[in-house]
């Protein structure tokens, strides 16, 4: 069977505690001012959908 590993339990307790702390200490996300998902990781927000982005950069 499986063996209970205390290090695994500590990892999950710390992870859940961190997520709870982050949830309670962060301000609420205002979805109206978030960048569109298409701009994720680009460093700049787009002003429309993918069809309005210039293709010849």
PDB file of N, CA and C in Angstrom:
ATOM      1  N   UNK A   1       0.824  -1.187   0.000  1.00  0.00           N
ATOM      2  CA  UNK A   1       0.000   0.000   0.000  1.00  0.00           C
ATOM      3  C   UNK A   1       0.873   1.257   0.000  1.00  0.00           C
ATOM      4  N   UNK A   2       0.231   2.386   0.117  1.00  0.00           N
ATOM      5  CA  UNK A   2       0.974   3.642   0.120  1.00  0.00           C
ATOM      6  C   UNK A   2       1.436   3.978   1.528  1.00  0.00           C
ATOM      7  N   UNK A   3       2.560   4.601   1.587  1.00  0.00           N
ATOM      8  CA  UNK A   3       3.138   4.988   2.871  1.00  0.00           C
ATOM      9  C   UNK A   3       2.896   6.474   3.089  1.00  0.00           C
ATOM     10  N   UNK A   4       2.518   6.866   4.288  1.00  0.00           N
ATOM     11  CA  UNK A   4       2.256   8.271   4.607  1.00  0.00           C
ATOM     12  C   UNK A   4       3.586   9.004   4.731  1.00  0.00           C
ATOM     13  N   UNK A   5       3.782   9.970   3.903  1.00  0.00           N
ATOM     14  CA  UNK A   5       5.030  10.725   3.886  1.00  0.00           C
ATOM     15  C   UNK A   5       4.772  12.102   4.510  1.00  0.00           C
ATOM     16  N   UNK A   6       5.426  12.431   5.643  1.00  0.00           N
ATOM     17  CA  UNK A   6       5.156  13.728   6.296  1.00  0.00           C
ATOM     18  C   UNK A   6       5.592  14.916   5.447  1.00  0.00           C
ATOM     19  N   UNK A   7       6.613  14.741   4.626  1.00  0.00           N
ATOM     20  CA  UNK A   7       7.060  15.840   3.776  1.00  0.00           C
ATOM     21  C   UNK A   7       5.992  16.187   2.739  1.00  0.00           C
ATOM     22  N   UNK A   8       5.300  15.192   2.233  1.00  0.00           N
ATOM     23  CA  UNK A   8       4.219  15.428   1.275  1.00  0.00           C
ATOM     24  C   UNK A   8       3.091  16.205   1.939  1.00  0.00           C
ATOM     25  N   UNK A   9       2.763  15.854   3.169  1.00  0.00           N
ATOM     26  CA  UNK A   9       1.706  16.564   3.905  1.00  0.00           C
ATOM     27  C   UNK A   9       2.092  18.013   4.164  1.00  0.00           C
ATOM     28  N   UNK A  10       3.345  18.245   4.525  1.00  0.00           N
ATOM     29  CA  UNK A  10       3.816  19.614   4.767  1.00  0.00           C
ATOM     30  C   UNK A  10       3.739  20.426   3.480  1.00  0.00           C
ATOM     31  N   UNK A  11       4.115  19.824   2.360  1.00  0.00           N
ATOM     32  CA  UNK A  11       4.041  20.524   1.071  1.00  0.00           C
ATOM     33  C   UNK A  11       2.609  20.982   0.784  1.00  0.00           C
ATOM     34  N   UNK A  12       1.627  20.068   0.924  1.00  0.00           N
ATOM     35  CA  UNK A  12       0.248  20.425   0.617  1.00  0.00           C
ATOM     36  C   UNK A  12      -0.316  21.439   1.594  1.00  0.00           C
ATOM     37  N   UNK A  13       0.057  21.350   2.848  1.00  0.00           N
ATOM     38  CA  UNK A  13      -0.406  22.326   3.837  1.00  0.00           C
ATOM     39  C   UNK A  13       0.147  23.707   3.517  1.00  0.00           C
ATOM     40  N   UNK A  14       1.430  23.783   3.172  1.00  0.00           N
ATOM     41  CA  UNK A  14       2.045  25.069   2.823  1.00  0.00           C
ATOM     42  C   UNK A  14       1.437  25.620   1.544  1.00  0.00           C
ATOM     43  N   UNK A  15       1.191  24.766   0.556  1.00  0.00           N
ATOM     44  CA  UNK A  15       0.605  25.225  -0.703  1.00  0.00           C
ATOM     45  C   UNK A  15      -0.799  25.783  -0.495  1.00  0.00           C
ATOM     46  N   UNK A  16      -1.628  25.071   0.255  1.00  0.00           N
ATOM     47  CA  UNK A  16      -2.994  25.540   0.520  1.00  0.00           C
ATOM     48  C   UNK A  16      -2.968  26.823   1.350  1.00  0.00           C
ATOM     49  N   UNK A  17      -2.057  26.909   2.313  1.00  0.00           N
ATOM     50  CA  UNK A  17      -1.935  28.122   3.121  1.00  0.00           C
ATOM     51  C   UNK A  17      -1.513  29.310   2.259  1.00  0.00           C
ATOM     52  N   UNK A  18      -0.595  29.091   1.323  1.00  0.00           N
ATOM     53  CA  UNK A  18      -0.156  30.171   0.439  1.00  0.00           C
ATOM     54  C   UNK A  18      -1.292  30.641  -0.462  1.00  0.00           C
ATOM     55  N   UNK A  19      -2.037  29.709  -1.025  1.00  0.00           N
ATOM     56  CA  UNK A  19      -3.150  30.086  -1.899  1.00  0.00           C
ATOM     57  C   UNK A  19      -4.217  30.843  -1.112  1.00  0.00           C
ATOM     58  N   UNK A  20      -4.502  30.401   0.111  1.00  0.00           N
ATOM     59  CA  UNK A  20      -5.478  31.109   0.947  1.00  0.00           C
ATOM     60  C   UNK A  20      -4.983  32.510   1.294  1.00  0.00           C
ATOM     61  N   UNK A  21      -3.712  32.626   1.662  1.00  0.00           N
ATOM     62  CA  UNK A  21      -3.148  33.947   1.981  1.00  0.00           C
ATOM     63  C   UNK A  21      -3.206  34.863   0.763  1.00  0.00           C
ATOM     64  N   UNK A  22      -2.844  34.345  -0.407  1.00  0.00           N
ATOM     65  CA  UNK A  22      -2.856  35.149  -1.623  1.00  0.00           C
ATOM     66  C   UNK A  22      -4.276  35.600  -1.967  1.00  0.00           C
ATOM     67  N   UNK A  23      -5.236  34.705  -1.792  1.00  0.00           N
ATOM     68  CA  UNK A  23      -6.629  35.042  -2.086  1.00  0.00           C
ATOM     69  C   UNK A  23      -7.134  36.155  -1.178  1.00  0.00           C
ATOM     70  N   UNK A  24      -6.828  36.077   0.098  1.00  0.00           N
ATOM     71  CA  UNK A  24      -7.346  37.058   1.056  1.00  0.00           C
ATOM     72  C   UNK A  24      -6.578  38.368   1.050  1.00  0.00           C
ATOM     73  N   UNK A  25      -5.292  38.364   0.645  1.00  0.00           N
ATOM     74  CA  UNK A  25      -4.510  39.600   0.702  1.00  0.00           C
ATOM     75  C   UNK A  25      -4.494  40.367  -0.619  1.00  0.00           C
ATOM     76  N   UNK A  26      -4.893  39.745  -1.708  1.00  0.00           N
ATOM     77  CA  UNK A  26      -4.891  40.411  -3.011  1.00  0.00           C
ATOM     78  C   UNK A  26      -6.184  41.169  -3.223  1.00  0.00           C
ATOM     79  N   UNK A  27      -6.110  42.298  -3.951  1.00  0.00           N
ATOM     80  CA  UNK A  27      -7.350  43.002  -4.278  1.00  0.00           C
ATOM     81  C   UNK A  27      -8.161  42.194  -5.288  1.00  0.00           C
ATOM     82  N   UNK A  28      -9.435  42.470  -5.334  1.00  0.00           N
ATOM     83  CA  UNK A  28     -10.307  41.770  -6.281  1.00  0.00           C
ATOM     84  C   UNK A  28      -9.915  42.115  -7.717  1.00  0.00           C
ATOM     85  N   UNK A  29     -10.057  41.174  -8.607  1.00  0.00           N
ATOM     86  CA  UNK A  29      -9.722  41.377 -10.014  1.00  0.00           C
ATOM     87  C   UNK A  29     -10.891  42.083 -10.688  1.00  0.00           C
ATOM     88  N   UNK A  30     -10.588  43.208 -11.336  1.00  0.00           N
ATOM     89  CA  UNK A  30     -11.603  43.939 -12.094  1.00  0.00           C
ATOM     90  C   UNK A  30     -11.487  43.499 -13.547  1.00  0.00           C
ATOM     91  N   UNK A  31     -12.402  42.666 -13.988  1.00  0.00           N
ATOM     92  CA  UNK A  31     -12.315  42.087 -15.328  1.00  0.00           C
ATOM     93  C   UNK A  31     -12.489  43.126 -16.430  1.00  0.00           C
ATOM     94  N   UNK A  32     -13.039  44.284 -16.123  1.00  0.00           N
ATOM     95  CA  UNK A  32     -13.216  45.309 -17.153  1.00  0.00           C
ATOM     96  C   UNK A  32     -11.895  45.948 -17.562  1.00  0.00           C
ATOM     97  N   UNK A  33     -10.897  45.922 -16.670  1.00  0.00           N
ATOM     98  CA  UNK A  33      -9.627  46.566 -16.974  1.00  0.00           C
ATOM     99  C   UNK A  33      -8.501  45.566 -17.211  1.00  0.00           C
ATOM    100  N   UNK A  34      -8.823  44.284 -17.303  1.00  0.00           N
ATOM    101  CA  UNK A  34      -7.815  43.276 -17.596  1.00  0.00           C
ATOM    102  C   UNK A  34      -7.542  43.253 -19.090  1.00  0.00           C
ATOM    103  N   UNK A  35      -6.306  42.939 -19.444  1.00  0.00           N
ATOM    104  CA  UNK A  35      -5.960  42.804 -20.856  1.00  0.00           C
ATOM    105  C   UNK A  35      -6.631  41.555 -21.431  1.00  0.00           C
ATOM    106  N   UNK A  36      -6.959  41.561 -22.720  1.00  0.00           N
ATOM    107  CA  UNK A  36      -7.545  40.363 -23.319  1.00  0.00           C
ATOM    108  C   UNK A  36      -6.572  39.192 -23.251  1.00  0.00           C
ATOM    109  N   UNK A  37      -7.087  37.979 -23.247  1.00  0.00           N
ATOM    110  CA  UNK A  37      -6.253  36.803 -23.141  1.00  0.00           C
ATOM    111  C   UNK A  37      -5.283  36.695 -24.315  1.00  0.00           C
ATOM    112  N   UNK A  38      -5.646  37.217 -25.459  1.00  0.00           N
ATOM    113  CA  UNK A  38      -4.776  37.153 -26.639  1.00  0.00           C
ATOM    114  C   UNK A  38      -3.473  37.923 -26.390  1.00  0.00           C
ATOM    115  N   UNK A  39      -3.470  38.868 -25.438  1.00  0.00           N
ATOM    116  CA  UNK A  39      -2.288  39.666 -25.148  1.00  0.00           C
ATOM    117  C   UNK A  39      -1.451  39.072 -24.026  1.00  0.00           C
ATOM    118  N   UNK A  40      -1.831  37.916 -23.505  1.00  0.00           N
ATOM    119  CA  UNK A  40      -1.115  37.320 -22.380  1.00  0.00           C
ATOM    120  C   UNK A  40       0.327  37.027 -22.760  1.00  0.00           C
ATOM    121  N   UNK A  41       1.245  37.576 -22.010  1.00  0.00           N
ATOM    122  CA  UNK A  41       2.658  37.323 -22.224  1.00  0.00           C
ATOM    123  C   UNK A  41       3.337  38.228 -23.229  1.00  0.00           C
ATOM    124  N   UNK A  42       2.599  39.106 -23.903  1.00  0.00           N
ATOM    125  CA  UNK A  42       3.218  39.945 -24.923  1.00  0.00           C
ATOM    126  C   UNK A  42       3.799  41.223 -24.346  1.00  0.00           C
ATOM    127  N   UNK A  43       3.420  41.584 -23.121  1.00  0.00           N
ATOM    128  CA  UNK A  43       3.912  42.809 -22.518  1.00  0.00           C
ATOM    129  C   UNK A  43       3.086  44.027 -22.873  1.00  0.00           C
ATOM    130  N   UNK A  44       2.145  43.888 -23.769  1.00  0.00           N
ATOM    131  CA  UNK A  44       1.294  45.015 -24.128  1.00  0.00           C
ATOM    132  C   UNK A  44      -0.124  44.510 -24.381  1.00  0.00           C
ATOM    133  N   UNK A  45      -1.066  45.374 -24.106  1.00  0.00           N
ATOM    134  CA  UNK A  45      -2.467  45.007 -24.297  1.00  0.00           C
ATOM    135  C   UNK A  45      -2.895  45.338 -25.713  1.00  0.00           C
ATOM    136  N   UNK A  46      -3.682  44.466 -26.299  1.00  0.00           N
ATOM    137  CA  UNK A  46      -4.206  44.743 -27.633  1.00  0.00           C
ATOM    138  C   UNK A  46      -5.450  45.610 -27.507  1.00  0.00           C
ATOM    139  N   UNK A  47      -5.843  46.239 -28.590  1.00  0.00           N
ATOM    140  CA  UNK A  47      -7.025  47.091 -28.594  1.00  0.00           C
ATOM    141  C   UNK A  47      -8.172  46.432 -29.333  1.00  0.00           C
ATOM    142  N   UNK A  48      -8.045  45.168 -29.631  1.00  0.00           N
ATOM    143  CA  UNK A  48      -9.106  44.449 -30.318  1.00  0.00           C
ATOM    144  C   UNK A  48      -8.764  42.978 -30.391  1.00  0.00           C
ATOM    145  N   UNK A  49      -9.471  42.271 -31.209  1.00  0.00           N
ATOM    146  CA  UNK A  49      -9.229  40.844 -31.371  1.00  0.00           C
ATOM    147  C   UNK A  49      -8.026  40.579 -32.245  1.00  0.00           C
ATOM    148  N   UNK A  50      -7.787  39.332 -32.533  1.00  0.00           N
ATOM    149  CA  UNK A  50      -6.619  38.976 -33.336  1.00  0.00           C
ATOM    150  C   UNK A  50      -6.727  39.487 -34.764  1.00  0.00           C
ATOM    151  N   UNK A  51      -7.935  39.752 -35.242  1.00  0.00           N
ATOM    152  CA  UNK A  51      -8.088  40.227 -36.615  1.00  0.00           C
ATOM    153  C   UNK A  51      -7.660  41.680 -36.778  1.00  0.00           C
ATOM    154  N   UNK A  52      -7.533  42.424 -35.671  1.00  0.00           N
ATOM    155  CA  UNK A  52      -7.130  43.820 -35.789  1.00  0.00           C
ATOM    156  C   UNK A  52      -5.635  44.019 -35.528  1.00  0.00           C
ATOM    157  N   UNK A  53      -4.929  42.939 -35.252  1.00  0.00           N
ATOM    158  CA  UNK A  53      -3.485  43.049 -34.991  1.00  0.00           C
ATOM    159  C   UNK A  53      -2.740  43.108 -36.328  1.00  0.00           C
ATOM    160  N   UNK A  54      -1.718  43.953 -36.402  1.00  0.00           N
ATOM    161  CA  UNK A  54      -0.943  44.015 -37.653  1.00  0.00           C
ATOM    162  C   UNK A  54      -0.122  42.731 -37.824  1.00  0.00           C
ATOM    163  N   UNK A  55      -0.086  42.196 -39.038  1.00  0.00           N
ATOM    164  CA  UNK A  55       0.633  40.947 -39.286  1.00  0.00           C
ATOM    165  C   UNK A  55       2.053  41.208 -39.777  1.00  0.00           C
ATOM    166  N   UNK A  56       2.366  42.354 -40.279  1.00  0.00           N
ATOM    167  CA  UNK A  56       3.691  42.621 -40.835  1.00  0.00           C
ATOM    168  C   UNK A  56       4.605  43.376 -39.892  1.00  0.00           C
ATOM    169  N   UNK A  57       4.938  42.808 -38.760  1.00  0.00           N
ATOM    170  CA  UNK A  57       5.831  43.485 -37.822  1.00  0.00           C
ATOM    171  C   UNK A  57       7.256  43.214 -38.156  1.00  0.00           C
TER     172      UNK A  57
END
